[in-house]
Amino acid sequence: MTSSDYWDADTAAGYDEGSAHMFAPEVLDPAVDLLADLAGGGAALELAIGTGRVAIPLVERGVRVAGIELSQPMTDALHRKRPDLPVVVGDMATAHVDGEFDLVYVVWNSIGNVRTQAEQVATFRNAARHLVPGGRFVVELWVPGIRRLPPGQTAVPFHVGSGHVGFDTFDLATQQGTSHHYHRHDDGTVTYGASNFRYIWPAECDLMAQLAGMGLERRVADWHGAPFTGDSESHVSVWRKPA
């Protein structure tokens, strides 16, 4: 798997605190509501399960959840919170989890951490292999903001604040990108971190799903169900495996 090396022990140790806004009820609850509804009382598999931000609330809703996670430190952080949640440490494009699932999902742009088109197709196929007939694959993914790039520019800021500045740089020929983060700490020091990704267009996702034997069931702009339009900056897409 071609993926970021960003998810080391230091990143895992500070992940929940650094991503606190993604744990806020107004952000997390709509995602958990939809995923629990799609699981329909069956089992769910999360790709790139991380520290369990989504999986643990789903378990608390009564959904049986398993996970695949590339990073052992992230898995360890999850198991400190929920040691009974089964996780296979491996590549989401190829790793196998025993059993079949009514729902497979990957959230918060994590499929972009798979950094070649071939491996992204393999991820869709791996999701389909784990699904029961009629099961669903859900992806939450941003829409690249490259329309904001003037000619000759390769960087787009996504956050500018007193404690953090973040921007993405893009290679339009390869669909590769890097997220750059500068954090200013209380003692005045500044630290830098970066993570690499491959961005995917919604229509490209549909083709990947088709290659995996799944068809698009619905696409909305966010977990609240806002309509997806040409101006949407993200999408939540649901593909279904034939019954």
C-alpha atoms as a PDB file:
ATOM      1  CA  MET A   1       0.000   0.000   0.000  1.00  0.00           C
ATOM      2  CA  THR A   2       1.225   3.484  -0.811  1.00  0.00           C
ATOM      3  CA  SER A   3       0.143   5.570   2.146  1.00  0.00           C
ATOM      4  CA  SER A   4       1.169   8.359   4.449  1.00  0.00           C
ATOM      5  CA  ASP A   5       3.724   7.671   7.171  1.00  0.00           C
ATOM      6  CA  TYR A   6       1.925  10.270   9.260  1.00  0.00           C
ATOM      7  CA  TRP A   7       0.140   7.869  11.627  1.00  0.00           C
ATOM      8  CA  ASP A   8       2.990   7.153  14.032  1.00  0.00           C
ATOM      9  CA  ALA A   9       2.964   6.879  17.834  1.00  0.00           C
ATOM     10  CA  ASP A  10       3.225  10.636  18.386  1.00  0.00           C
ATOM     11  CA  THR A  11       0.328  11.323  16.036  1.00  0.00           C
ATOM     12  CA  ALA A  12      -1.795   8.603  17.636  1.00  0.00           C
ATOM     13  CA  ALA A  13      -1.103   9.959  21.135  1.00  0.00           C
ATOM     14  CA  GLY A  14      -2.457  13.395  20.239  1.00  0.00           C
ATOM     15  CA  TYR A  15      -5.031  12.403  17.645  1.00  0.00           C
ATOM     16  CA  ASP A  16      -8.228  12.693  19.674  1.00  0.00           C
ATOM     17  CA  GLU A  17      -7.249  16.016  21.225  1.00  0.00           C
ATOM     18  CA  GLY A  18      -6.081  17.442  17.920  1.00  0.00           C
ATOM     19  CA  SER A  19      -9.295  16.321  16.208  1.00  0.00           C
ATOM     20  CA  ALA A  20     -11.638  17.371  19.015  1.00  0.00           C
ATOM     21  CA  HIS A  21     -13.913  19.279  16.634  1.00  0.00           C
ATOM     22  CA  MET A  22     -14.659  16.012  14.793  1.00  0.00           C
ATOM     23  CA  PHE A  23     -15.872  14.441  18.054  1.00  0.00           C
ATOM     24  CA  ALA A  24     -18.397  17.236  18.652  1.00  0.00           C
ATOM     25  CA  PRO A  25     -21.979  15.880  18.768  1.00  0.00           C
ATOM     26  CA  GLU A  26     -23.131  18.151  15.953  1.00  0.00           C
ATOM     27  CA  VAL A  27     -20.437  16.641  13.713  1.00  0.00           C
ATOM     28  CA  LEU A  28     -20.396  13.034  14.883  1.00  0.00           C
ATOM     29  CA  ASP A  29     -24.034  12.251  15.682  1.00  0.00           C
ATOM     30  CA  PRO A  30     -25.426  12.641  12.124  1.00  0.00           C
ATOM     31  CA  ALA A  31     -22.744  10.267  10.798  1.00  0.00           C
ATOM     32  CA  VAL A  32     -23.450   7.677  13.475  1.00  0.00           C
ATOM     33  CA  ASP A  33     -27.212   8.023  12.912  1.00  0.00           C
ATOM     34  CA  LEU A  34     -26.944   7.304   9.187  1.00  0.00           C
ATOM     35  CA  LEU A  35     -24.430   4.483   9.539  1.00  0.00           C
ATOM     36  CA  ALA A  36     -26.472   2.782  12.269  1.00  0.00           C
ATOM     37  CA  ASP A  37     -29.549   3.028  10.062  1.00  0.00           C
ATOM     38  CA  LEU A  38     -27.720   1.537   7.072  1.00  0.00           C
ATOM     39  CA  ALA A  39     -26.308  -1.297   9.196  1.00  0.00           C
ATOM     40  CA  GLY A  40     -29.905  -2.202   9.980  1.00  0.00           C
ATOM     41  CA  GLY A  41     -29.081  -4.326  12.991  1.00  0.00           C
ATOM     42  CA  GLY A  42     -26.348  -6.188  11.108  1.00  0.00           C
ATOM     43  CA  ALA A  43     -22.569  -5.998  11.296  1.00  0.00           C
ATOM     44  CA  ALA A  44     -20.378  -3.120  10.096  1.00  0.00           C
ATOM     45  CA  LEU A  45     -16.746  -2.929   9.029  1.00  0.00           C
ATOM     46  CA  GLU A  46     -14.826   0.349   9.205  1.00  0.00           C
ATOM     47  CA  LEU A  47     -11.815   0.854   6.963  1.00  0.00           C
ATOM     48  CA  ALA A  48      -9.154   3.091   8.548  1.00  0.00           C
ATOM     49  CA  ILE A  49     -10.901   2.774  11.901  1.00  0.00           C
ATOM     50  CA  GLY A  50      -8.289   4.922  13.633  1.00  0.00           C
ATOM     51  CA  THR A  51      -8.890   5.526  17.335  1.00  0.00           C
ATOM     52  CA  GLY A  52     -12.568   4.617  17.076  1.00  0.00           C
ATOM     53  CA  ARG A  53     -14.129   8.063  16.702  1.00  0.00           C
ATOM     54  CA  VAL A  54     -17.075   6.619  14.738  1.00  0.00           C
ATOM     55  CA  ALA A  55     -16.844   2.925  15.577  1.00  0.00           C
ATOM     56  CA  ILE A  56     -17.167   3.242  19.349  1.00  0.00           C
ATOM     57  CA  PRO A  57     -20.417   5.277  19.220  1.00  0.00           C
ATOM     58  CA  LEU A  58     -21.773   2.733  16.717  1.00  0.00           C
ATOM     59  CA  VAL A  59     -20.977  -0.108  19.119  1.00  0.00           C
ATOM     60  CA  GLU A  60     -22.754   1.842  21.841  1.00  0.00           C
ATOM     61  CA  ARG A  61     -25.795   1.942  19.533  1.00  0.00           C
ATOM     62  CA  GLY A  62     -25.761  -1.858  19.408  1.00  0.00           C
ATOM     63  CA  VAL A  63     -24.035  -2.278  16.029  1.00  0.00           C
ATOM     64  CA  ARG A  64     -21.431  -5.047  15.808  1.00  0.00           C
ATOM     65  CA  VAL A  65     -18.337  -3.287  14.439  1.00  0.00           C
ATOM     66  CA  ALA A  66     -14.942  -4.563  13.308  1.00  0.00           C
ATOM     67  CA  GLY A  67     -12.148  -2.569  11.743  1.00  0.00           C
ATOM     68  CA  ILE A  68      -9.112  -2.489   9.504  1.00  0.00           C
ATOM     69  CA  GLU A  69      -6.337  -0.045  10.433  1.00  0.00           C
ATOM     70  CA  LEU A  70      -2.894   0.404   8.901  1.00  0.00           C
ATOM     71  CA  SER A  71      -1.344   1.952  12.019  1.00  0.00           C
ATOM     72  CA  GLN A  72      -0.569  -0.148  15.077  1.00  0.00           C
ATOM     73  CA  PRO A  73      -0.281   2.971  17.297  1.00  0.00           C
ATOM     74  CA  MET A  74      -3.760   4.128  16.233  1.00  0.00           C
ATOM     75  CA  THR A  75      -5.099   0.630  16.923  1.00  0.00           C
ATOM     76  CA  ASP A  76      -3.464   0.641  20.356  1.00  0.00           C
ATOM     77  CA  ALA A  77      -5.108   3.991  21.127  1.00  0.00           C
ATOM     78  CA  LEU A  78      -8.505   2.551  20.155  1.00  0.00           C
ATOM     79  CA  HIS A  79      -8.003  -0.544  22.297  1.00  0.00           C
ATOM     80  CA  ARG A  80      -7.152   1.556  25.334  1.00  0.00           C
ATOM     81  CA  LYS A  81     -10.707   2.865  25.040  1.00  0.00           C
ATOM     82  CA  ARG A  82     -12.475  -0.253  23.747  1.00  0.00           C
ATOM     83  CA  PRO A  83     -10.330  -3.406  24.049  1.00  0.00           C
ATOM     84  CA  ASP A  84     -13.138  -5.690  22.849  1.00  0.00           C
ATOM     85  CA  LEU A  85     -13.467  -4.054  19.410  1.00  0.00           C
ATOM     86  CA  PRO A  86     -11.815  -6.385  16.847  1.00  0.00           C
ATOM     87  CA  VAL A  87      -9.296  -4.741  14.517  1.00  0.00           C
ATOM     88  CA  VAL A  88      -7.088  -6.257  11.829  1.00  0.00           C
ATOM     89  CA  VAL A  89      -3.881  -4.266  11.418  1.00  0.00           C
ATOM     90  CA  GLY A  90      -3.258  -4.020   7.704  1.00  0.00           C
ATOM     91  CA  ASP A  91      -3.903  -2.332   4.396  1.00  0.00           C
ATOM     92  CA  MET A  92      -7.530  -1.428   3.688  1.00  0.00           C
ATOM     93  CA  ALA A  93      -7.026  -2.433   0.047  1.00  0.00           C
ATOM     94  CA  THR A  94      -6.131  -6.046   0.838  1.00  0.00           C
ATOM     95  CA  ALA A  95      -6.648  -6.941   4.524  1.00  0.00           C
ATOM     96  CA  HIS A  96      -9.286  -9.566   5.315  1.00  0.00           C
ATOM     97  CA  VAL A  97     -11.641  -9.651   8.293  1.00  0.00           C
ATOM     98  CA  ASP A  98     -13.515 -12.864   9.016  1.00  0.00           C
ATOM     99  CA  GLY A  99     -17.256 -12.762   8.451  1.00  0.00           C
ATOM    100  CA  GLU A 100     -19.603 -10.833   6.189  1.00  0.00           C
ATOM    101  CA  PHE A 101     -20.938  -7.362   6.782  1.00  0.00           C
ATOM    102  CA  ASP A 102     -24.118  -5.473   5.994  1.00  0.00           C
ATOM    103  CA  LEU A 103     -22.150  -2.234   5.903  1.00  0.00           C
ATOM    104  CA  VAL A 104     -18.575  -1.262   5.070  1.00  0.00           C
ATOM    105  CA  TYR A 105     -17.619   2.383   5.485  1.00  0.00           C
ATOM    106  CA  VAL A 106     -14.655   4.758   5.382  1.00  0.00           C
ATOM    107  CA  VAL A 107     -14.970   8.320   6.676  1.00  0.00           C
ATOM    108  CA  TRP A 108     -13.243  11.698   6.855  1.00  0.00           C
ATOM    109  CA  ASN A 109     -11.362  11.462   3.527  1.00  0.00           C
ATOM    110  CA  SER A 110      -9.376   8.427   4.683  1.00  0.00           C
ATOM    111  CA  ILE A 111      -9.608   6.636   1.339  1.00  0.00           C
ATOM    112  CA  GLY A 112      -7.345   9.403   0.012  1.00  0.00           C
ATOM    113  CA  ASN A 113      -4.541   7.962   2.153  1.00  0.00           C
ATOM    114  CA  VAL A 114      -4.437   5.142  -0.407  1.00  0.00           C
ATOM    115  CA  ARG A 115      -2.242   6.947  -2.859  1.00  0.00           C
ATOM    116  CA  THR A 116      -2.531   5.148  -6.194  1.00  0.00           C
ATOM    117  CA  GLN A 117      -5.583   4.736  -8.381  1.00  0.00           C
ATOM    118  CA  ALA A 118      -5.034   0.980  -8.640  1.00  0.00           C
ATOM    119  CA  GLU A 119      -5.009   0.594  -4.863  1.00  0.00           C
ATOM    120  CA  GLN A 120      -8.086   2.770  -4.507  1.00  0.00           C
ATOM    121  CA  VAL A 121      -9.881   0.442  -6.939  1.00  0.00           C
ATOM    122  CA  ALA A 122      -8.592  -2.477  -4.852  1.00  0.00           C
ATOM    123  CA  THR A 123     -10.087  -0.823  -1.755  1.00  0.00           C
ATOM    124  CA  PHE A 124     -13.521  -0.692  -3.392  1.00  0.00           C
ATOM    125  CA  ARG A 125     -13.149  -4.340  -4.390  1.00  0.00           C
ATOM    126  CA  ASN A 126     -12.068  -5.301  -0.883  1.00  0.00           C
ATOM    127  CA  ALA A 127     -15.111  -3.535   0.536  1.00  0.00           C
ATOM    128  CA  ALA A 128     -17.367  -5.429  -1.877  1.00  0.00           C
ATOM    129  CA  ARG A 129     -15.756  -8.755  -0.927  1.00  0.00           C
ATOM    130  CA  HIS A 130     -16.671  -8.180   2.711  1.00  0.00           C
ATOM    131  CA  LEU A 131     -20.304  -7.256   2.000  1.00  0.00           C
ATOM    132  CA  VAL A 132     -23.288  -9.568   2.097  1.00  0.00           C
ATOM    133  CA  PRO A 133     -25.476  -9.462  -1.033  1.00  0.00           C
ATOM    134  CA  GLY A 134     -27.440  -6.230  -0.805  1.00  0.00           C
ATOM    135  CA  GLY A 135     -24.876  -4.694   1.560  1.00  0.00           C
ATOM    136  CA  ARG A 136     -23.690  -1.106   1.263  1.00  0.00           C
ATOM    137  CA  PHE A 137     -20.354   0.684   1.026  1.00  0.00           C
ATOM    138  CA  VAL A 138     -20.276   4.272   2.333  1.00  0.00           C
ATOM    139  CA  VAL A 139     -17.518   6.812   1.676  1.00  0.00           C
ATOM    140  CA  GLU A 140     -17.233  10.303   3.159  1.00  0.00           C
ATOM    141  CA  LEU A 141     -14.888  12.330   0.977  1.00  0.00           C
ATOM    142  CA  TRP A 142     -14.069  15.914   0.165  1.00  0.00           C
ATOM    143  CA  VAL A 143     -14.320  17.425  -3.298  1.00  0.00           C
ATOM    144  CA  PRO A 144     -10.909  18.911  -4.178  1.00  0.00           C
ATOM    145  CA  GLY A 145     -10.892  22.696  -4.101  1.00  0.00           C
ATOM    146  CA  ILE A 146      -8.789  23.067  -7.212  1.00  0.00           C
ATOM    147  CA  ARG A 147     -11.336  25.364  -8.867  1.00  0.00           C
ATOM    148  CA  ARG A 148      -9.936  28.011  -6.514  1.00  0.00           C
ATOM    149  CA  LEU A 149      -6.459  27.648  -8.019  1.00  0.00           C
ATOM    150  CA  PRO A 150      -5.515  30.547 -10.303  1.00  0.00           C
ATOM    151  CA  PRO A 151      -3.192  29.689 -13.192  1.00  0.00           C
ATOM    152  CA  GLY A 152       0.269  28.785 -11.966  1.00  0.00           C
ATOM    153  CA  GLN A 153      -0.718  28.342  -8.303  1.00  0.00           C
ATOM    154  CA  THR A 154      -0.515  24.945  -6.598  1.00  0.00           C
ATOM    155  CA  ALA A 155      -1.614  25.729  -3.005  1.00  0.00           C
ATOM    156  CA  VAL A 156      -5.057  26.258  -1.442  1.00  0.00           C
ATOM    157  CA  PRO A 157      -5.427  27.244   2.247  1.00  0.00           C
ATOM    158  CA  PHE A 158      -8.071  25.364   4.221  1.00  0.00           C
ATOM    159  CA  HIS A 159      -7.563  26.889   7.681  1.00  0.00           C
ATOM    160  CA  VAL A 160      -5.925  30.082   8.910  1.00  0.00           C
ATOM    161  CA  GLY A 161      -6.003  30.780  12.636  1.00  0.00           C
ATOM    162  CA  SER A 162      -3.848  32.048  15.468  1.00  0.00           C
ATOM    163  CA  GLY A 163      -2.754  28.539  16.439  1.00  0.00           C
ATOM    164  CA  HIS A 164      -2.862  26.722  13.119  1.00  0.00           C
ATOM    165  CA  VAL A 165      -2.337  27.385   9.442  1.00  0.00           C
ATOM    166  CA  GLY A 166      -3.130  24.633   6.961  1.00  0.00           C
ATOM    167  CA  PHE A 167      -2.987  24.443   3.198  1.00  0.00           C
ATOM    168  CA  ASP A 168      -3.036  21.784   0.494  1.00  0.00           C
ATOM    169  CA  THR A 169      -0.693  21.594  -2.474  1.00  0.00           C
ATOM    170  CA  PHE A 170      -1.757  19.749  -5.615  1.00  0.00           C
ATOM    171  CA  ASP A 171      -0.157  18.050  -8.591  1.00  0.00           C
ATOM    172  CA  LEU A 172      -2.976  18.209 -11.125  1.00  0.00           C
ATOM    173  CA  ALA A 173      -1.295  15.763 -13.496  1.00  0.00           C
ATOM    174  CA  THR A 174      -1.142  12.910 -10.980  1.00  0.00           C
ATOM    175  CA  GLN A 175      -3.990  13.828  -8.561  1.00  0.00           C
ATOM    176  CA  GLN A 176      -1.444  13.723  -5.751  1.00  0.00           C
ATOM    177  CA  GLY A 177      -1.543  16.227  -2.931  1.00  0.00           C
ATOM    178  CA  THR A 178      -0.033  17.119   0.416  1.00  0.00           C
ATOM    179  CA  SER A 179      -1.740  18.688   3.420  1.00  0.00           C
ATOM    180  CA  HIS A 180       0.625  21.021   5.267  1.00  0.00           C
ATOM    181  CA  HIS A 181       0.029  21.964   8.911  1.00  0.00           C
ATOM    182  CA  TYR A 182       1.837  24.649  10.916  1.00  0.00           C
ATOM    183  CA  HIS A 183       0.930  24.654  14.620  1.00  0.00           C
ATOM    184  CA  ARG A 184       1.864  27.495  16.970  1.00  0.00           C
ATOM    185  CA  HIS A 185       2.196  26.361  20.589  1.00  0.00           C
ATOM    186  CA  ASP A 186       1.749  28.263  23.840  1.00  0.00           C
ATOM    187  CA  ASP A 187       5.511  28.664  24.260  1.00  0.00           C
ATOM    188  CA  GLY A 188       5.737  30.379  20.874  1.00  0.00           C
ATOM    189  CA  THR A 189       7.318  27.485  19.019  1.00  0.00           C
ATOM    190  CA  VAL A 190       5.964  26.361  15.667  1.00  0.00           C
ATOM    191  CA  THR A 191       5.870  22.764  14.487  1.00  0.00           C
ATOM    192  CA  TYR A 192       5.223  21.451  10.996  1.00  0.00           C
ATOM    193  CA  GLY A 193       3.537  18.260   9.871  1.00  0.00           C
ATOM    194  CA  ALA A 194       2.414  16.964   6.494  1.00  0.00           C
ATOM    195  CA  SER A 195       0.336  14.103   5.137  1.00  0.00           C
ATOM    196  CA  ASN A 196       0.084  12.914   1.550  1.00  0.00           C
ATOM    197  CA  PHE A 197      -3.018  11.855  -0.350  1.00  0.00           C
ATOM    198  CA  ARG A 198      -4.505  11.104  -3.752  1.00  0.00           C
ATOM    199  CA  TYR A 199      -7.736  12.959  -4.433  1.00  0.00           C
ATOM    200  CA  ILE A 200     -10.648  11.245  -6.188  1.00  0.00           C
ATOM    201  CA  TRP A 201     -13.528  12.858  -8.039  1.00  0.00           C
ATOM    202  CA  PRO A 202     -17.082  11.619  -7.270  1.00  0.00           C
ATOM    203  CA  ALA A 203     -17.535  10.262 -10.802  1.00  0.00           C
ATOM    204  CA  GLU A 204     -14.222   8.413 -10.472  1.00  0.00           C
ATOM    205  CA  CYS A 205     -15.528   6.845  -7.253  1.00  0.00           C
ATOM    206  CA  ASP A 206     -18.605   5.657  -9.151  1.00  0.00           C
ATOM    207  CA  LEU A 207     -16.407   3.963 -11.746  1.00  0.00           C
ATOM    208  CA  MET A 208     -14.345   2.304  -8.998  1.00  0.00           C
ATOM    209  CA  ALA A 209     -17.568   1.034  -7.439  1.00  0.00           C
ATOM    210  CA  GLN A 210     -18.738  -0.266 -10.822  1.00  0.00           C
ATOM    211  CA  LEU A 211     -15.451  -2.141 -11.259  1.00  0.00           C
ATOM    212  CA  ALA A 212     -16.110  -3.699  -7.836  1.00  0.00           C
ATOM    213  CA  GLY A 213     -19.612  -4.781  -8.841  1.00  0.00           C
ATOM    214  CA  MET A 214     -21.532  -2.111  -6.925  1.00  0.00           C
ATOM    215  CA  GLY A 215     -23.912   0.614  -8.043  1.00  0.00           C
ATOM    216  CA  LEU A 216     -24.550   4.098  -6.693  1.00  0.00           C
ATOM    217  CA  GLU A 217     -27.619   4.199  -4.466  1.00  0.00           C
ATOM    218  CA  ARG A 218     -27.412   7.809  -3.297  1.00  0.00           C
ATOM    219  CA  ARG A 219     -25.083  10.755  -2.898  1.00  0.00           C
ATOM    220  CA  VAL A 220     -25.538  13.737  -0.593  1.00  0.00           C
ATOM    221  CA  ALA A 221     -23.272  16.613   0.344  1.00  0.00           C
ATOM    222  CA  ASP A 222     -22.926  15.743   4.036  1.00  0.00           C
ATOM    223  CA  TRP A 223     -24.189  13.529   6.848  1.00  0.00           C
ATOM    224  CA  HIS A 224     -27.190  15.827   7.308  1.00  0.00           C
ATOM    225  CA  GLY A 225     -28.406  14.884   3.823  1.00  0.00           C
ATOM    226  CA  ALA A 226     -27.946  18.230   2.066  1.00  0.00           C
ATOM    227  CA  PRO A 227     -28.280  17.903  -1.724  1.00  0.00           C
ATOM    228  CA  PHE A 228     -25.057  17.298  -3.614  1.00  0.00           C
ATOM    229  CA  THR A 229     -24.467  20.024  -6.208  1.00  0.00           C
ATOM    230  CA  GLY A 230     -21.671  21.372  -8.348  1.00  0.00           C
ATOM    231  CA  ASP A 231     -20.745  23.707  -5.494  1.00  0.00           C
ATOM    232  CA  SER A 232     -20.555  21.011  -2.800  1.00  0.00           C
ATOM    233  CA  GLU A 233     -17.206  20.708  -1.029  1.00  0.00           C
ATOM    234  CA  SER A 234     -17.780  17.138   0.174  1.00  0.00           C
ATOM    235  CA  HIS A 235     -19.971  14.122  -0.416  1.00  0.00           C
ATOM    236  CA  VAL A 236     -21.294  11.094   1.411  1.00  0.00           C
ATOM    237  CA  SER A 237     -21.893   8.374  -1.162  1.00  0.00           C
ATOM    238  CA  VAL A 238     -23.601   5.008  -0.770  1.00  0.00           C
ATOM    239  CA  TRP A 239     -23.031   2.145  -3.201  1.00  0.00           C
ATOM    240  CA  ARG A 240     -24.889  -1.148  -2.997  1.00  0.00           C
ATOM    241  CA  LYS A 241     -23.816  -4.670  -3.830  1.00  0.00           C
ATOM    242  CA  PRO A 242     -26.496  -6.507  -5.827  1.00  0.00           C
ATOM    243  CA  ALA A 243     -28.754  -8.706  -3.716  1.00  0.00           C
END
